[in-house]
């Protein structure tokens, strides 16, 4: 990396750090239970009944992980 501007170099390094952190995060796979993991509606495949439930549940989990106890 040869940058003319130190700020450009800092931004590139920050972006690289973010990409590495995202790639290394742990993801716990949801187990099929026959019902949506968010609204508990009966489903035949997958973990959620639709993308709205998936998004709501993921938003809830992110909020829970950032709560200060």
PDB file of N, CA and C in Angstrom:
ATOM      1  N   UNK A   1       0.837  -1.179   0.000  1.00  0.00           N
ATOM      2  CA  UNK A   1       0.000   0.000   0.000  1.00  0.00           C
ATOM      3  C   UNK A   1       0.880   1.238   0.000  1.00  0.00           C
ATOM      4  N   UNK A   2       0.747   2.008  -1.022  1.00  0.00           N
ATOM      5  CA  UNK A   2       1.505   3.241  -1.114  1.00  0.00           C
ATOM      6  C   UNK A   2       0.512   4.377  -1.311  1.00  0.00           C
ATOM      7  N   UNK A   3       0.233   5.099  -0.229  1.00  0.00           N
ATOM      8  CA  UNK A   3      -0.750   6.166  -0.267  1.00  0.00           C
ATOM      9  C   UNK A   3      -0.054   7.514  -0.205  1.00  0.00           C
ATOM     10  N   UNK A   4      -0.568   8.442  -0.987  1.00  0.00           N
ATOM     11  CA  UNK A   4      -0.020   9.797  -0.972  1.00  0.00           C
ATOM     12  C   UNK A   4      -0.485  10.551   0.264  1.00  0.00           C
ATOM     13  N   UNK A   5      -1.639  10.192   0.764  1.00  0.00           N
ATOM     14  CA  UNK A   5      -2.240  10.898   1.894  1.00  0.00           C
ATOM     15  C   UNK A   5      -2.358   9.951   3.089  1.00  0.00           C
ATOM     16  N   UNK A   6      -1.846  10.337   4.248  1.00  0.00           N
ATOM     17  CA  UNK A   6      -1.940   9.471   5.430  1.00  0.00           C
ATOM     18  C   UNK A   6      -3.386   9.169   5.838  1.00  0.00           C
ATOM     19  N   UNK A   7      -4.288  10.075   5.542  1.00  0.00           N
ATOM     20  CA  UNK A   7      -5.697   9.839   5.873  1.00  0.00           C
ATOM     21  C   UNK A   7      -6.257   8.711   5.015  1.00  0.00           C
ATOM     22  N   UNK A   8      -5.889   8.676   3.733  1.00  0.00           N
ATOM     23  CA  UNK A   8      -6.328   7.582   2.866  1.00  0.00           C
ATOM     24  C   UNK A   8      -5.821   6.243   3.384  1.00  0.00           C
ATOM     25  N   UNK A   9      -4.587   6.229   3.840  1.00  0.00           N
ATOM     26  CA  UNK A   9      -4.017   5.001   4.388  1.00  0.00           C
ATOM     27  C   UNK A   9      -4.765   4.576   5.652  1.00  0.00           C
ATOM     28  N   UNK A  10      -5.087   5.524   6.512  1.00  0.00           N
ATOM     29  CA  UNK A  10      -5.810   5.212   7.747  1.00  0.00           C
ATOM     30  C   UNK A  10      -7.198   4.659   7.443  1.00  0.00           C
ATOM     31  N   UNK A  11      -7.867   5.235   6.474  1.00  0.00           N
ATOM     32  CA  UNK A  11      -9.200   4.758   6.092  1.00  0.00           C
ATOM     33  C   UNK A  11      -9.111   3.341   5.527  1.00  0.00           C
ATOM     34  N   UNK A  12      -8.112   3.082   4.704  1.00  0.00           N
ATOM     35  CA  UNK A  12      -7.943   1.744   4.133  1.00  0.00           C
ATOM     36  C   UNK A  12      -7.662   0.713   5.223  1.00  0.00           C
ATOM     37  N   UNK A  13      -6.824   1.069   6.180  1.00  0.00           N
ATOM     38  CA  UNK A  13      -6.524   0.147   7.287  1.00  0.00           C
ATOM     39  C   UNK A  13      -7.757  -0.090   8.156  1.00  0.00           C
ATOM     40  N   UNK A  14      -8.524   0.955   8.397  1.00  0.00           N
ATOM     41  CA  UNK A  14      -9.741   0.804   9.190  1.00  0.00           C
ATOM     42  C   UNK A  14     -10.729  -0.116   8.472  1.00  0.00           C
ATOM     43  N   UNK A  15     -10.893   0.067   7.184  1.00  0.00           N
ATOM     44  CA  UNK A  15     -11.793  -0.784   6.408  1.00  0.00           C
ATOM     45  C   UNK A  15     -11.323  -2.229   6.437  1.00  0.00           C
ATOM     46  N   UNK A  16     -10.032  -2.444   6.325  1.00  0.00           N
ATOM     47  CA  UNK A  16      -9.477  -3.794   6.379  1.00  0.00           C
ATOM     48  C   UNK A  16      -9.745  -4.428   7.745  1.00  0.00           C
ATOM     49  N   UNK A  17      -9.593  -3.667   8.814  1.00  0.00           N
ATOM     50  CA  UNK A  17      -9.858  -4.171  10.162  1.00  0.00           C
ATOM     51  C   UNK A  17     -11.325  -4.559  10.320  1.00  0.00           C
ATOM     52  N   UNK A  18     -12.220  -3.743   9.797  1.00  0.00           N
ATOM     53  CA  UNK A  18     -13.652  -4.044   9.869  1.00  0.00           C
ATOM     54  C   UNK A  18     -13.969  -5.321   9.099  1.00  0.00           C
ATOM     55  N   UNK A  19     -13.412  -5.465   7.909  1.00  0.00           N
ATOM     56  CA  UNK A  19     -13.662  -6.658   7.097  1.00  0.00           C
ATOM     57  C   UNK A  19     -13.152  -7.917   7.792  1.00  0.00           C
ATOM     58  N   UNK A  20     -11.993  -7.831   8.417  1.00  0.00           N
ATOM     59  CA  UNK A  20     -11.440  -8.984   9.137  1.00  0.00           C
ATOM     60  C   UNK A  20     -12.327  -9.341  10.324  1.00  0.00           C
ATOM     61  N   UNK A  21     -12.768  -8.339  11.064  1.00  0.00           N
ATOM     62  CA  UNK A  21     -13.633  -8.588  12.225  1.00  0.00           C
ATOM     63  C   UNK A  21     -14.951  -9.224  11.802  1.00  0.00           C
ATOM     64  N   UNK A  22     -15.530  -8.745  10.720  1.00  0.00           N
ATOM     65  CA  UNK A  22     -16.784  -9.328  10.242  1.00  0.00           C
ATOM     66  C   UNK A  22     -16.591 -10.760   9.762  1.00  0.00           C
ATOM     67  N   UNK A  23     -15.480 -11.021   9.119  1.00  0.00           N
ATOM     68  CA  UNK A  23     -15.214 -12.375   8.630  1.00  0.00           C
ATOM     69  C   UNK A  23     -14.976 -13.354   9.772  1.00  0.00           C
ATOM     70  N   UNK A  24     -14.455 -12.874  10.889  1.00  0.00           N
ATOM     71  CA  UNK A  24     -14.112 -13.751  12.009  1.00  0.00           C
ATOM     72  C   UNK A  24     -15.190 -13.851  13.081  1.00  0.00           C
ATOM     73  N   UNK A  25     -16.296 -13.166  12.902  1.00  0.00           N
ATOM     74  CA  UNK A  25     -17.341 -13.239  13.930  1.00  0.00           C
ATOM     75  C   UNK A  25     -17.962 -14.632  13.951  1.00  0.00           C
ATOM     76  N   UNK A  26     -18.416 -15.011  15.121  1.00  0.00           N
ATOM     77  CA  UNK A  26     -19.031 -16.327  15.253  1.00  0.00           C
ATOM     78  C   UNK A  26     -20.523 -16.212  14.994  1.00  0.00           C
ATOM     79  N   UNK A  27     -21.029 -17.203  14.308  1.00  0.00           N
ATOM     80  CA  UNK A  27     -22.460 -17.266  14.026  1.00  0.00           C
ATOM     81  C   UNK A  27     -22.977 -18.605  14.520  1.00  0.00           C
ATOM     82  N   UNK A  28     -23.979 -18.529  15.352  1.00  0.00           N
ATOM     83  CA  UNK A  28     -24.587 -19.745  15.856  1.00  0.00           C
ATOM     84  C   UNK A  28     -25.746 -20.110  14.940  1.00  0.00           C
ATOM     85  N   UNK A  29     -25.671 -21.260  14.286  1.00  0.00           N
ATOM     86  CA  UNK A  29     -26.766 -21.644  13.396  1.00  0.00           C
ATOM     87  C   UNK A  29     -28.019 -21.988  14.202  1.00  0.00           C
ATOM     88  N   UNK A  30     -29.162 -21.578  13.693  1.00  0.00           N
ATOM     89  CA  UNK A  30     -30.421 -21.897  14.353  1.00  0.00           C
ATOM     90  C   UNK A  30     -30.864 -23.296  13.940  1.00  0.00           C
ATOM     91  N   UNK A  31     -31.331 -24.049  14.890  1.00  0.00           N
ATOM     92  CA  UNK A  31     -31.763 -25.421  14.653  1.00  0.00           C
ATOM     93  C   UNK A  31     -33.225 -25.416  14.237  1.00  0.00           C
ATOM     94  N   UNK A  32     -33.569 -26.237  13.241  1.00  0.00           N
ATOM     95  CA  UNK A  32     -34.955 -26.351  12.796  1.00  0.00           C
ATOM     96  C   UNK A  32     -35.795 -26.962  13.908  1.00  0.00           C
ATOM     97  N   UNK A  33     -36.866 -26.261  14.292  1.00  0.00           N
ATOM     98  CA  UNK A  33     -37.746 -26.737  15.362  1.00  0.00           C
ATOM     99  C   UNK A  33     -39.175 -26.950  14.890  1.00  0.00           C
ATOM    100  N   UNK A  34     -39.471 -26.554  13.652  1.00  0.00           N
ATOM    101  CA  UNK A  34     -40.836 -26.664  13.151  1.00  0.00           C
ATOM    102  C   UNK A  34     -41.660 -25.413  13.401  1.00  0.00           C
ATOM    103  N   UNK A  35     -41.051 -24.441  14.069  1.00  0.00           N
ATOM    104  CA  UNK A  35     -41.743 -23.173  14.282  1.00  0.00           C
ATOM    105  C   UNK A  35     -40.761 -22.019  14.125  1.00  0.00           C
ATOM    106  N   UNK A  36     -41.304 -20.868  13.752  1.00  0.00           N
ATOM    107  CA  UNK A  36     -40.505 -19.658  13.561  1.00  0.00           C
ATOM    108  C   UNK A  36     -39.825 -19.294  14.877  1.00  0.00           C
ATOM    109  N   UNK A  37     -38.550 -18.967  14.817  1.00  0.00           N
ATOM    110  CA  UNK A  37     -37.802 -18.627  16.026  1.00  0.00           C
ATOM    111  C   UNK A  37     -38.216 -17.278  16.605  1.00  0.00           C
ATOM    112  N   UNK A  38     -38.969 -16.488  15.865  1.00  0.00           N
ATOM    113  CA  UNK A  38     -39.390 -15.186  16.371  1.00  0.00           C
ATOM    114  C   UNK A  38     -40.858 -15.181  16.792  1.00  0.00           C
ATOM    115  N   UNK A  39     -41.771 -15.587  15.902  1.00  0.00           N
ATOM    116  CA  UNK A  39     -43.202 -15.473  16.212  1.00  0.00           C
ATOM    117  C   UNK A  39     -43.844 -16.808  16.588  1.00  0.00           C
ATOM    118  N   UNK A  40     -43.081 -17.890  16.514  1.00  0.00           N
ATOM    119  CA  UNK A  40     -43.537 -19.239  16.884  1.00  0.00           C
ATOM    120  C   UNK A  40     -44.616 -19.807  15.965  1.00  0.00           C
ATOM    121  N   UNK A  41     -44.767 -19.234  14.760  1.00  0.00           N
ATOM    122  CA  UNK A  41     -45.709 -19.778  13.782  1.00  0.00           C
ATOM    123  C   UNK A  41     -45.151 -21.093  13.244  1.00  0.00           C
ATOM    124  N   UNK A  42     -46.018 -22.056  12.974  1.00  0.00           N
ATOM    125  CA  UNK A  42     -45.596 -23.348  12.444  1.00  0.00           C
ATOM    126  C   UNK A  42     -45.055 -23.166  11.025  1.00  0.00           C
ATOM    127  N   UNK A  43     -43.873 -23.753  10.761  1.00  0.00           N
ATOM    128  CA  UNK A  43     -43.248 -23.680   9.439  1.00  0.00           C
ATOM    129  C   UNK A  43     -42.775 -25.067   9.032  1.00  0.00           C
ATOM    130  N   UNK A  44     -42.598 -25.272   7.729  1.00  0.00           N
ATOM    131  CA  UNK A  44     -42.172 -26.591   7.254  1.00  0.00           C
ATOM    132  C   UNK A  44     -40.666 -26.678   7.028  1.00  0.00           C
ATOM    133  N   UNK A  45     -40.021 -25.551   6.757  1.00  0.00           N
ATOM    134  CA  UNK A  45     -38.565 -25.544   6.560  1.00  0.00           C
ATOM    135  C   UNK A  45     -37.986 -24.245   7.094  1.00  0.00           C
ATOM    136  N   UNK A  46     -36.696 -24.248   7.333  1.00  0.00           N
ATOM    137  CA  UNK A  46     -35.997 -23.036   7.734  1.00  0.00           C
ATOM    138  C   UNK A  46     -36.131 -22.712   9.209  1.00  0.00           C
ATOM    139  N   UNK A  47     -35.735 -21.496   9.557  1.00  0.00           N
ATOM    140  CA  UNK A  47     -35.761 -21.049  10.947  1.00  0.00           C
ATOM    141  C   UNK A  47     -36.808 -19.966  11.184  1.00  0.00           C
ATOM    142  N   UNK A  48     -37.220 -19.269  10.110  1.00  0.00           N
ATOM    143  CA  UNK A  48     -38.187 -18.180  10.230  1.00  0.00           C
ATOM    144  C   UNK A  48     -39.285 -18.358   9.192  1.00  0.00           C
ATOM    145  N   UNK A  49     -40.467 -17.789   9.490  1.00  0.00           N
ATOM    146  CA  UNK A  49     -41.584 -17.911   8.550  1.00  0.00           C
ATOM    147  C   UNK A  49     -41.429 -16.958   7.367  1.00  0.00           C
ATOM    148  N   UNK A  50     -40.751 -15.828   7.567  1.00  0.00           N
ATOM    149  CA  UNK A  50     -40.497 -14.894   6.469  1.00  0.00           C
ATOM    150  C   UNK A  50     -39.320 -13.977   6.820  1.00  0.00           C
ATOM    151  N   UNK A  51     -38.948 -13.145   5.877  1.00  0.00           N
ATOM    152  CA  UNK A  51     -37.775 -12.284   6.077  1.00  0.00           C
ATOM    153  C   UNK A  51     -38.022 -11.211   7.135  1.00  0.00           C
ATOM    154  N   UNK A  52     -39.272 -10.790   7.312  1.00  0.00           N
ATOM    155  CA  UNK A  52     -39.563  -9.790   8.347  1.00  0.00           C
ATOM    156  C   UNK A  52     -39.271 -10.341   9.737  1.00  0.00           C
ATOM    157  N   UNK A  53     -39.702 -11.585   9.992  1.00  0.00           N
ATOM    158  CA  UNK A  53     -39.422 -12.207  11.291  1.00  0.00           C
ATOM    159  C   UNK A  53     -37.916 -12.378  11.488  1.00  0.00           C
ATOM    160  N   UNK A  54     -37.219 -12.799  10.436  1.00  0.00           N
ATOM    161  CA  UNK A  54     -35.765 -12.955  10.524  1.00  0.00           C
ATOM    162  C   UNK A  54     -35.103 -11.632  10.882  1.00  0.00           C
ATOM    163  N   UNK A  55     -35.477 -10.571  10.167  1.00  0.00           N
ATOM    164  CA  UNK A  55     -34.880  -9.259  10.411  1.00  0.00           C
ATOM    165  C   UNK A  55     -35.190  -8.751  11.816  1.00  0.00           C
ATOM    166  N   UNK A  56     -36.439  -8.924  12.258  1.00  0.00           N
ATOM    167  CA  UNK A  56     -36.818  -8.478  13.602  1.00  0.00           C
ATOM    168  C   UNK A  56     -36.038  -9.233  14.670  1.00  0.00           C
ATOM    169  N   UNK A  57     -35.898 -10.545  14.494  1.00  0.00           N
ATOM    170  CA  UNK A  57     -35.188 -11.349  15.481  1.00  0.00           C
ATOM    171  C   UNK A  57     -33.707 -10.981  15.512  1.00  0.00           C
ATOM    172  N   UNK A  58     -33.099 -10.794  14.358  1.00  0.00           N
ATOM    173  CA  UNK A  58     -31.690 -10.419  14.313  1.00  0.00           C
ATOM    174  C   UNK A  58     -31.466  -9.042  14.931  1.00  0.00           C
ATOM    175  N   UNK A  59     -32.389  -8.116  14.703  1.00  0.00           N
ATOM    176  CA  UNK A  59     -32.283  -6.789  15.309  1.00  0.00           C
ATOM    177  C   UNK A  59     -32.391  -6.903  16.827  1.00  0.00           C
ATOM    178  N   UNK A  60     -33.304  -7.728  17.307  1.00  0.00           N
ATOM    179  CA  UNK A  60     -33.463  -7.942  18.746  1.00  0.00           C
ATOM    180  C   UNK A  60     -32.189  -8.533  19.348  1.00  0.00           C
ATOM    181  N   UNK A  61     -31.610  -9.538  18.682  1.00  0.00           N
ATOM    182  CA  UNK A  61     -30.399 -10.173  19.193  1.00  0.00           C
ATOM    183  C   UNK A  61     -29.231  -9.193  19.234  1.00  0.00           C
ATOM    184  N   UNK A  62     -29.106  -8.346  18.207  1.00  0.00           N
ATOM    185  CA  UNK A  62     -28.049  -7.323  18.207  1.00  0.00           C
ATOM    186  C   UNK A  62     -28.242  -6.357  19.369  1.00  0.00           C
ATOM    187  N   UNK A  63     -29.484  -5.939  19.597  1.00  0.00           N
ATOM    188  CA  UNK A  63     -29.766  -5.018  20.699  1.00  0.00           C
ATOM    189  C   UNK A  63     -29.444  -5.671  22.042  1.00  0.00           C
ATOM    190  N   UNK A  64     -29.796  -6.939  22.196  1.00  0.00           N
ATOM    191  CA  UNK A  64     -29.512  -7.653  23.437  1.00  0.00           C
ATOM    192  C   UNK A  64     -28.010  -7.776  23.669  1.00  0.00           C
ATOM    193  N   UNK A  65     -27.254  -7.986  22.608  1.00  0.00           N
ATOM    194  CA  UNK A  65     -25.810  -8.161  22.758  1.00  0.00           C
ATOM    195  C   UNK A  65     -25.112  -6.857  23.138  1.00  0.00           C
ATOM    196  N   UNK A  66     -25.756  -5.734  22.902  1.00  0.00           N
ATOM    197  CA  UNK A  66     -25.146  -4.442  23.201  1.00  0.00           C
ATOM    198  C   UNK A  66     -25.671  -3.820  24.488  1.00  0.00           C
ATOM    199  N   UNK A  67     -26.582  -4.521  25.160  1.00  0.00           N
ATOM    200  CA  UNK A  67     -27.113  -4.011  26.429  1.00  0.00           C
ATOM    201  C   UNK A  67     -26.025  -3.980  27.485  1.00  0.00           C
ATOM    202  N   UNK A  68     -26.013  -2.933  28.271  1.00  0.00           N
ATOM    203  CA  UNK A  68     -25.057  -2.811  29.367  1.00  0.00           C
ATOM    204  C   UNK A  68     -25.742  -3.303  30.629  1.00  0.00           C
ATOM    205  N   UNK A  69     -25.095  -4.240  31.295  1.00  0.00           N
ATOM    206  CA  UNK A  69     -25.680  -4.791  32.525  1.00  0.00           C
ATOM    207  C   UNK A  69     -25.064  -4.137  33.721  1.00  0.00           C
TER     208      UNK A  69
END
